[in-house]
PDB file of all heavy atoms in Angstrom:
ATOM      1  N   SER A   1       0.823  -1.210   0.000  1.00  0.00           N
ATOM      2  CA  SER A   1       0.000   0.000   0.000  1.00  0.00           C
ATOM      3  C   SER A   1       0.854   1.255   0.000  1.00  0.00           C
ATOM      4  O   SER A   1       0.546   2.232  -0.688  1.00  0.00           O
ATOM      5  CB  SER A   1      -0.924  -0.001   1.223  1.00  0.00           C
ATOM      6  OG  SER A   1      -1.819  -1.094   1.186  1.00  0.00           O
ATOM      7  N   LEU A   2       1.939   1.237   0.779  1.00  0.00           N
ATOM      8  CA  LEU A   2       2.836   2.394   0.821  1.00  0.00           C
ATOM      9  C   LEU A   2       3.518   2.604  -0.524  1.00  0.00           C
ATOM     10  O   LEU A   2       3.651   3.735  -1.003  1.00  0.00           O
ATOM     11  CB  LEU A   2       3.875   2.207   1.927  1.00  0.00           C
ATOM     12  CG  LEU A   2       3.338   2.264   3.368  1.00  0.00           C
ATOM     13  CD1 LEU A   2       4.429   1.850   4.356  1.00  0.00           C
ATOM     14  CD2 LEU A   2       2.831   3.671   3.697  1.00  0.00           C
ATOM     15  N   GLU A   3       3.944   1.521  -1.150  1.00  0.00           N
ATOM     16  CA  GLU A   3       4.585   1.626  -2.459  1.00  0.00           C
ATOM     17  C   GLU A   3       3.629   2.187  -3.500  1.00  0.00           C
ATOM     18  O   GLU A   3       4.039   2.930  -4.396  1.00  0.00           O
ATOM     19  CB  GLU A   3       5.109   0.262  -2.896  1.00  0.00           C
ATOM     20  CG  GLU A   3       6.348  -0.201  -2.139  1.00  0.00           C
ATOM     21  CD  GLU A   3       6.837  -1.547  -2.634  1.00  0.00           C
ATOM     22  OE1 GLU A   3       6.075  -2.245  -3.344  1.00  0.00           O
ATOM     23  OE2 GLU A   3       8.008  -1.916  -2.329  1.00  0.00           O
ATOM     24  N   ALA A   4       2.349   1.837  -3.386  1.00  0.00           N
ATOM     25  CA  ALA A   4       1.354   2.288  -4.366  1.00  0.00           C
ATOM     26  C   ALA A   4       1.210   3.809  -4.379  1.00  0.00           C
ATOM     27  O   ALA A   4       0.856   4.394  -5.402  1.00  0.00           O
ATOM     28  CB  ALA A   4       0.008   1.627  -4.092  1.00  0.00           C
ATOM     29  N   VAL A   5       1.473   4.440  -3.234  1.00  0.00           N
ATOM     30  CA  VAL A   5       1.355   5.902  -3.162  1.00  0.00           C
ATOM     31  C   VAL A   5       2.725   6.574  -3.137  1.00  0.00           C
ATOM     32  O   VAL A   5       2.842   7.775  -2.881  1.00  0.00           O
ATOM     33  CB  VAL A   5       0.529   6.334  -1.932  1.00  0.00           C
ATOM     34  CG1 VAL A   5      -0.893   5.825  -2.049  1.00  0.00           C
ATOM     35  CG2 VAL A   5       1.167   5.842  -0.633  1.00  0.00           C
ATOM     36  N   GLY A   6       3.770   5.789  -3.411  1.00  0.00           N
ATOM     37  CA  GLY A   6       5.116   6.336  -3.484  1.00  0.00           C
ATOM     38  C   GLY A   6       5.701   6.739  -2.152  1.00  0.00           C
ATOM     39  O   GLY A   6       6.593   7.598  -2.086  1.00  0.00           O
ATOM     40  N   ALA A   7       5.252   6.099  -1.066  1.00  0.00           N
ATOM     41  CA  ALA A   7       5.732   6.453   0.269  1.00  0.00           C
ATOM     42  C   ALA A   7       6.724   5.415   0.763  1.00  0.00           C
ATOM     43  O   ALA A   7       6.561   4.212   0.512  1.00  0.00           O
ATOM     44  CB  ALA A   7       4.570   6.566   1.245  1.00  0.00           C
ATOM     45  N   ALA A   8       7.751   5.867   1.473  1.00  0.00           N
ATOM     46  CA  ALA A   8       8.757   4.969   2.051  1.00  0.00           C
ATOM     47  C   ALA A   8       9.180   5.512   3.412  1.00  0.00           C
ATOM     48  O   ALA A   8      10.342   5.881   3.622  1.00  0.00           O
ATOM     49  CB  ALA A   8       9.960   4.819   1.119  1.00  0.00           C
ATOM     50  N   PRO A   9       8.268   5.559   4.355  1.00  0.00           N
ATOM     51  CA  PRO A   9       8.566   6.190   5.644  1.00  0.00           C
ATOM     52  C   PRO A   9       9.426   5.318   6.558  1.00  0.00           C
ATOM     53  O   PRO A   9       9.525   4.100   6.383  1.00  0.00           O
ATOM     54  CB  PRO A   9       7.170   6.374   6.250  1.00  0.00           C
ATOM     55  CG  PRO A   9       6.377   5.228   5.684  1.00  0.00           C
ATOM     56  CD  PRO A   9       6.895   5.035   4.283  1.00  0.00           C
ATOM     57  N   LYS A  10      10.031   5.951   7.542  1.00  0.00           N
ATOM     58  CA  LYS A  10      10.629   5.262   8.680  1.00  0.00           C
ATOM     59  C   LYS A  10       9.652   5.387   9.839  1.00  0.00           C
ATOM     60  O   LYS A  10       9.280   6.496  10.209  1.00  0.00           O
ATOM     61  CB  LYS A  10      11.970   5.885   9.068  1.00  0.00           C
ATOM     62  CG  LYS A  10      13.124   5.578   8.166  1.00  0.00           C
ATOM     63  CD  LYS A  10      14.404   6.161   8.739  1.00  0.00           C
ATOM     64  CE  LYS A  10      15.604   5.883   7.842  1.00  0.00           C
ATOM     65  NZ  LYS A  10      16.864   6.463   8.396  1.00  0.00           N
ATOM     66  N   ILE A  11       9.233   4.246  10.390  1.00  0.00           N
ATOM     67  CA  ILE A  11       8.205   4.264  11.432  1.00  0.00           C
ATOM     68  C   ILE A  11       8.698   3.463  12.634  1.00  0.00           C
ATOM     69  O   ILE A  11       9.172   2.336  12.488  1.00  0.00           O
ATOM     70  CB  ILE A  11       6.879   3.667  10.930  1.00  0.00           C
ATOM     71  CG1 ILE A  11       6.379   4.427   9.694  1.00  0.00           C
ATOM     72  CG2 ILE A  11       5.818   3.698  12.035  1.00  0.00           C
ATOM     73  CD1 ILE A  11       5.163   3.792   9.043  1.00  0.00           C
ATOM     74  N   THR A  12       8.579   4.058  13.798  1.00  0.00           N
ATOM     75  CA  THR A  12       8.870   3.347  15.036  1.00  0.00           C
ATOM     76  C   THR A  12       7.607   2.649  15.520  1.00  0.00           C
ATOM     77  O   THR A  12       6.538   3.256  15.604  1.00  0.00           O
ATOM     78  CB  THR A  12       9.374   4.309  16.123  1.00  0.00           C
ATOM     79  OG1 THR A  12      10.564   4.963  15.664  1.00  0.00           O
ATOM     80  CG2 THR A  12       9.690   3.558  17.414  1.00  0.00           C
ATOM     81  N   TYR A  13       7.733   1.372  15.832  1.00  0.00           N
ATOM     82  CA  TYR A  13       6.584   0.567  16.253  1.00  0.00           C
ATOM     83  C   TYR A  13       6.749   0.059  17.679  1.00  0.00           C
ATOM     84  O   TYR A  13       7.867  -0.101  18.188  1.00  0.00           O
ATOM     85  CB  TYR A  13       6.418  -0.651  15.333  1.00  0.00           C
ATOM     86  CG  TYR A  13       5.751  -0.346  14.002  1.00  0.00           C
ATOM     87  CD1 TYR A  13       6.510  -0.063  12.877  1.00  0.00           C
ATOM     88  CD2 TYR A  13       4.369  -0.367  13.890  1.00  0.00           C
ATOM     89  CE1 TYR A  13       5.909   0.202  11.658  1.00  0.00           C
ATOM     90  CE2 TYR A  13       3.754  -0.106  12.671  1.00  0.00           C
ATOM     91  CZ  TYR A  13       4.530   0.183  11.557  1.00  0.00           C
ATOM     92  OH  TYR A  13       3.909   0.436  10.346  1.00  0.00           O
ATOM     93  N   ARG A  14       5.608  -0.207  18.325  1.00  0.00           N
ATOM     94  CA  ARG A  14       5.531  -0.955  19.573  1.00  0.00           C
ATOM     95  C   ARG A  14       4.553  -2.108  19.379  1.00  0.00           C
ATOM     96  O   ARG A  14       3.524  -1.955  18.742  1.00  0.00           O
ATOM     97  CB  ARG A  14       5.046  -0.074  20.743  1.00  0.00           C
ATOM     98  CG  ARG A  14       5.929   1.118  21.078  1.00  0.00           C
ATOM     99  CD  ARG A  14       7.340   0.722  21.515  1.00  0.00           C
ATOM    100  NE  ARG A  14       7.430  -0.206  22.624  1.00  0.00           N
ATOM    101  CZ  ARG A  14       7.504   0.180  23.906  1.00  0.00           C
ATOM    102  NH1 ARG A  14       7.488   1.485  24.224  1.00  0.00           N
ATOM    103  NH2 ARG A  14       7.625  -0.719  24.855  1.00  0.00           N
ATOM    104  N   ALA A  15       4.881  -3.254  19.930  1.00  0.00           N
ATOM    105  CA  ALA A  15       4.031  -4.433  19.782  1.00  0.00           C
ATOM    106  C   ALA A  15       3.153  -4.634  21.018  1.00  0.00           C
ATOM    107  O   ALA A  15       3.515  -4.254  22.132  1.00  0.00           O
ATOM    108  CB  ALA A  15       4.891  -5.684  19.552  1.00  0.00           C
ATOM    109  N   LYS A  16       1.989  -5.227  20.794  1.00  0.00           N
ATOM    110  CA  LYS A  16       1.131  -5.725  21.870  1.00  0.00           C
ATOM    111  C   LYS A  16       0.752  -7.165  21.545  1.00  0.00           C
ATOM    112  O   LYS A  16       0.561  -7.517  20.368  1.00  0.00           O
ATOM    113  CB  LYS A  16      -0.131  -4.881  22.023  1.00  0.00           C
ATOM    114  CG  LYS A  16       0.112  -3.444  22.473  1.00  0.00           C
ATOM    115  CD  LYS A  16      -1.194  -2.693  22.706  1.00  0.00           C
ATOM    116  CE  LYS A  16      -0.914  -1.255  23.122  1.00  0.00           C
ATOM    117  NZ  LYS A  16      -2.171  -0.504  23.449  1.00  0.00           N
ATOM    118  N   VAL A  17       0.665  -7.987  22.571  1.00  0.00           N
ATOM    119  CA  VAL A  17       0.247  -9.371  22.376  1.00  0.00           C
ATOM    120  C   VAL A  17      -1.174  -9.406  21.827  1.00  0.00           C
ATOM    121  O   VAL A  17      -2.054  -8.688  22.296  1.00  0.00           O
ATOM    122  CB  VAL A  17       0.319 -10.159  23.695  1.00  0.00           C
ATOM    123  CG1 VAL A  17      -0.314 -11.544  23.546  1.00  0.00           C
ATOM    124  CG2 VAL A  17       1.773 -10.301  24.148  1.00  0.00           C
ATOM    125  N   LYS A  18      -1.394 -10.225  20.804  1.00  0.00           N
ATOM    126  CA  LYS A  18      -2.722 -10.394  20.215  1.00  0.00           C
ATOM    127  C   LYS A  18      -3.443 -11.528  20.926  1.00  0.00           C
ATOM    128  O   LYS A  18      -2.985 -12.672  20.918  1.00  0.00           O
ATOM    129  CB  LYS A  18      -2.632 -10.690  18.721  1.00  0.00           C
ATOM    130  CG  LYS A  18      -3.949 -10.631  17.987  1.00  0.00           C
ATOM    131  CD  LYS A  18      -3.769 -10.869  16.495  1.00  0.00           C
ATOM    132  CE  LYS A  18      -5.039 -10.518  15.733  1.00  0.00           C
ATOM    133  NZ  LYS A  18      -6.226 -11.226  16.221  1.00  0.00           N
ATOM    134  N   LEU A  19      -4.551 -11.229  21.556  1.00  0.00           N
ATOM    135  CA  LEU A  19      -5.307 -12.235  22.292  1.00  0.00           C
ATOM    136  C   LEU A  19      -6.353 -12.883  21.400  1.00  0.00           C
ATOM    137  O   LEU A  19      -6.975 -12.225  20.567  1.00  0.00           O
ATOM    138  CB  LEU A  19      -5.985 -11.607  23.512  1.00  0.00           C
ATOM    139  CG  LEU A  19      -5.043 -11.068  24.598  1.00  0.00           C
ATOM    140  CD1 LEU A  19      -5.851 -10.436  25.717  1.00  0.00           C
ATOM    141  CD2 LEU A  19      -4.144 -12.164  25.138  1.00  0.00           C
ATOM    142  N   ASP A  20      -6.563 -14.153  21.613  1.00  0.00           N
ATOM    143  CA  ASP A  20      -7.514 -14.934  20.829  1.00  0.00           C
ATOM    144  C   ASP A  20      -8.888 -14.866  21.500  1.00  0.00           C
ATOM    145  O   ASP A  20      -9.193 -15.620  22.409  1.00  0.00           O
ATOM    146  CB  ASP A  20      -7.031 -16.383  20.738  1.00  0.00           C
ATOM    147  CG  ASP A  20      -7.805 -17.191  19.704  1.00  0.00           C
ATOM    148  OD1 ASP A  20      -8.471 -16.589  18.848  1.00  0.00           O
ATOM    149  OD2 ASP A  20      -7.735 -18.428  19.751  1.00  0.00           O
ATOM    150  N   GLY A  21      -9.707 -13.935  21.043  1.00  0.00           N
ATOM    151  CA  GLY A  21     -11.044 -13.768  21.586  1.00  0.00           C
ATOM    152  C   GLY A  21     -11.960 -13.244  20.512  1.00  0.00           C
ATOM    153  O   GLY A  21     -11.899 -13.674  19.365  1.00  0.00           O
ATOM    154  N   THR A  22     -12.809 -12.287  20.881  1.00  0.00           N
ATOM    155  CA  THR A  22     -13.680 -11.643  19.904  1.00  0.00           C
ATOM    156  C   THR A  22     -13.648 -10.141  20.145  1.00  0.00           C
ATOM    157  O   THR A  22     -13.692  -9.677  21.289  1.00  0.00           O
ATOM    158  CB  THR A  22     -15.124 -12.194  19.987  1.00  0.00           C
ATOM    159  OG1 THR A  22     -15.925 -11.613  18.950  1.00  0.00           O
ATOM    160  CG2 THR A  22     -15.763 -11.913  21.334  1.00  0.00           C
ATOM    161  N   ASN A  23     -13.540  -9.382  19.073  1.00  0.00           N
ATOM    162  CA  ASN A  23     -13.420  -7.937  19.178  1.00  0.00           C
ATOM    163  C   ASN A  23     -14.693  -7.328  19.762  1.00  0.00           C
ATOM    164  O   ASN A  23     -15.809  -7.689  19.387  1.00  0.00           O
ATOM    165  CB  ASN A  23     -13.135  -7.344  17.796  1.00  0.00           C
ATOM    166  CG  ASN A  23     -12.894  -5.847  17.830  1.00  0.00           C
ATOM    167  OD1 ASN A  23     -13.817  -5.059  17.729  1.00  0.00           O
ATOM    168  ND2 ASN A  23     -11.644  -5.465  18.001  1.00  0.00           N
ATOM    169  N   GLY A  24     -14.509  -6.409  20.698  1.00  0.00           N
ATOM    170  CA  GLY A  24     -15.645  -5.728  21.303  1.00  0.00           C
ATOM    171  C   GLY A  24     -15.354  -4.254  21.498  1.00  0.00           C
ATOM    172  O   GLY A  24     -14.190  -3.841  21.623  1.00  0.00           O
ATOM    173  N   GLY A  25     -16.397  -3.455  21.511  1.00  0.00           N
ATOM    174  CA  GLY A  25     -16.251  -2.027  21.729  1.00  0.00           C
ATOM    175  C   GLY A  25     -17.366  -1.501  22.615  1.00  0.00           C
ATOM    176  O   GLY A  25     -18.493  -1.995  22.586  1.00  0.00           O
ATOM    177  N   ILE A  26     -17.027  -0.508  23.418  1.00  0.00           N
ATOM    178  CA  ILE A  26     -18.002   0.139  24.297  1.00  0.00           C
ATOM    179  C   ILE A  26     -18.011   1.623  23.965  1.00  0.00           C
ATOM    180  O   ILE A  26     -17.010   2.314  24.150  1.00  0.00           O
ATOM    181  CB  ILE A  26     -17.657  -0.072  25.779  1.00  0.00           C
ATOM    182  CG1 ILE A  26     -17.561  -1.567  26.103  1.00  0.00           C
ATOM    183  CG2 ILE A  26     -18.710   0.586  26.674  1.00  0.00           C
ATOM    184  CD1 ILE A  26     -16.984  -1.853  27.476  1.00  0.00           C
ATOM    185  N   GLN A  27     -19.138   2.103  23.454  1.00  0.00           N
ATOM    186  CA  GLN A  27     -19.279   3.521  23.154  1.00  0.00           C
ATOM    187  C   GLN A  27     -19.918   4.238  24.338  1.00  0.00           C
ATOM    188  O   GLN A  27     -20.915   3.773  24.890  1.00  0.00           O
ATOM    189  CB  GLN A  27     -20.148   3.730  21.904  1.00  0.00           C
ATOM    190  CG  GLN A  27     -19.563   3.210  20.614  1.00  0.00           C
ATOM    191  CD  GLN A  27     -20.364   3.664  19.415  1.00  0.00           C
ATOM    192  OE1 GLN A  27     -20.794   4.826  19.324  1.00  0.00           O
ATOM    193  NE2 GLN A  27     -20.596   2.765  18.468  1.00  0.00           N
ATOM    194  N   ILE A  28     -19.352   5.379  24.691  1.00  0.00           N
ATOM    195  CA  ILE A  28     -19.887   6.176  25.786  1.00  0.00           C
ATOM    196  C   ILE A  28     -20.210   7.566  25.251  1.00  0.00           C
ATOM    197  O   ILE A  28     -19.322   8.319  24.845  1.00  0.00           O
ATOM    198  CB  ILE A  28     -18.880   6.262  26.945  1.00  0.00           C
ATOM    199  CG1 ILE A  28     -18.489   4.851  27.406  1.00  0.00           C
ATOM    200  CG2 ILE A  28     -19.469   7.055  28.110  1.00  0.00           C
ATOM    201  CD1 ILE A  28     -17.271   4.804  28.274  1.00  0.00           C
ATOM    202  N   PHE A  29     -21.498   7.894  25.224  1.00  0.00           N
ATOM    203  CA  PHE A  29     -21.946   9.178  24.723  1.00  0.00           C
ATOM    204  C   PHE A  29     -21.689  10.270  25.762  1.00  0.00           C
ATOM    205  O   PHE A  29     -21.509  10.004  26.952  1.00  0.00           O
ATOM    206  CB  PHE A  29     -23.430   9.132  24.370  1.00  0.00           C
ATOM    207  CG  PHE A  29     -23.758   8.280  23.178  1.00  0.00           C
ATOM    208  CD1 PHE A  29     -23.719   6.895  23.256  1.00  0.00           C
ATOM    209  CD2 PHE A  29     -24.104   8.857  21.966  1.00  0.00           C
ATOM    210  CE1 PHE A  29     -24.023   6.096  22.153  1.00  0.00           C
ATOM    211  CE2 PHE A  29     -24.411   8.073  20.859  1.00  0.00           C
ATOM    212  CZ  PHE A  29     -24.370   6.694  20.960  1.00  0.00           C
ATOM    213  N   THR A  30     -21.670  11.512  25.306  1.00  0.00           N
ATOM    214  CA  THR A  30     -21.382  12.626  26.215  1.00  0.00           C
ATOM    215  C   THR A  30     -22.435  12.772  27.307  1.00  0.00           C
ATOM    216  O   THR A  30     -22.160  13.343  28.359  1.00  0.00           O
ATOM    217  CB  THR A  30     -21.268  13.942  25.426  1.00  0.00           C
ATOM    218  OG1 THR A  30     -22.477  14.159  24.673  1.00  0.00           O
ATOM    219  CG2 THR A  30     -20.094  13.891  24.452  1.00  0.00           C
ATOM    220  N   ASP A  31     -23.659  12.260  27.064  1.00  0.00           N
ATOM    221  CA  ASP A  31     -24.717  12.355  28.077  1.00  0.00           C
ATOM    222  C   ASP A  31     -24.770  11.130  28.995  1.00  0.00           C
ATOM    223  O   ASP A  31     -25.690  10.994  29.804  1.00  0.00           O
ATOM    224  CB  ASP A  31     -26.085  12.561  27.417  1.00  0.00           C
ATOM    225  CG  ASP A  31     -26.474  11.412  26.465  1.00  0.00           C
ATOM    226  OD1 ASP A  31     -25.726  10.411  26.376  1.00  0.00           O
ATOM    227  OD2 ASP A  31     -27.529  11.532  25.799  1.00  0.00           O
ATOM    228  N   GLY A  32     -23.769  10.228  28.857  1.00  0.00           N
ATOM    229  CA  GLY A  32     -23.699   9.071  29.729  1.00  0.00           C
ATOM    230  C   GLY A  32     -24.348   7.807  29.199  1.00  0.00           C
ATOM    231  O   GLY A  32     -24.262   6.755  29.834  1.00  0.00           O
ATOM    232  N   ARG A  33     -25.015   7.890  28.041  1.00  0.00           N
ATOM    233  CA  ARG A  33     -25.567   6.677  27.442  1.00  0.00           C
ATOM    234  C   ARG A  33     -24.427   5.767  26.965  1.00  0.00           C
ATOM    235  O   ARG A  33     -23.359   6.243  26.596  1.00  0.00           O
ATOM    236  CB  ARG A  33     -26.489   7.011  26.277  1.00  0.00           C
ATOM    237  CG  ARG A  33     -27.797   7.672  26.673  1.00  0.00           C
ATOM    238  CD  ARG A  33     -28.640   7.998  25.436  1.00  0.00           C
ATOM    239  NE  ARG A  33     -27.943   8.915  24.564  1.00  0.00           N
ATOM    240  CZ  ARG A  33     -27.934   8.845  23.234  1.00  0.00           C
ATOM    241  NH1 ARG A  33     -28.561   7.871  22.614  1.00  0.00           N
ATOM    242  NH2 ARG A  33     -27.269   9.743  22.526  1.00  0.00           N
ATOM    243  N   VAL A  34     -24.697   4.469  26.979  1.00  0.00           N
ATOM    244  CA  VAL A  34     -23.673   3.489  26.636  1.00  0.00           C
ATOM    245  C   VAL A  34     -24.206   2.543  25.572  1.00  0.00           C
ATOM    246  O   VAL A  34     -25.319   2.025  25.688  1.00  0.00           O
ATOM    247  CB  VAL A  34     -23.247   2.681  27.880  1.00  0.00           C
ATOM    248  CG1 VAL A  34     -22.221   1.606  27.510  1.00  0.00           C
ATOM    249  CG2 VAL A  34     -22.673   3.605  28.955  1.00  0.00           C
ATOM    250  N   ALA A  35     -23.428   2.334  24.524  1.00  0.00           N
ATOM    251  CA  ALA A  35     -23.760   1.374  23.477  1.00  0.00           C
ATOM    252  C   ALA A  35     -22.642   0.339  23.390  1.00  0.00           C
ATOM    253  O   ALA A  35     -21.481   0.637  23.683  1.00  0.00           O
ATOM    254  CB  ALA A  35     -23.953   2.068  22.127  1.00  0.00           C
ATOM    255  N   VAL A  36     -22.998  -0.862  22.961  1.00  0.00           N
ATOM    256  CA  VAL A  36     -22.052  -1.974  22.909  1.00  0.00           C
ATOM    257  C   VAL A  36     -21.998  -2.500  21.476  1.00  0.00           C
ATOM    258  O   VAL A  36     -23.024  -2.572  20.794  1.00  0.00           O
ATOM    259  CB  VAL A  36     -22.465  -3.112  23.867  1.00  0.00           C
ATOM    260  CG1 VAL A  36     -21.310  -4.105  24.043  1.00  0.00           C
ATOM    261  CG2 VAL A  36     -22.906  -2.568  25.210  1.00  0.00           C
TER     262      VAL A  36
END
């Protein structure tokens, strides 16, 4: 993808262990309502 746009950056990365589960998200609205 980077080559396709002519980009060749130097990027510093940090790794995190990938856990085997299911992706989840919790949305919190400004008025305190919560969606899952």
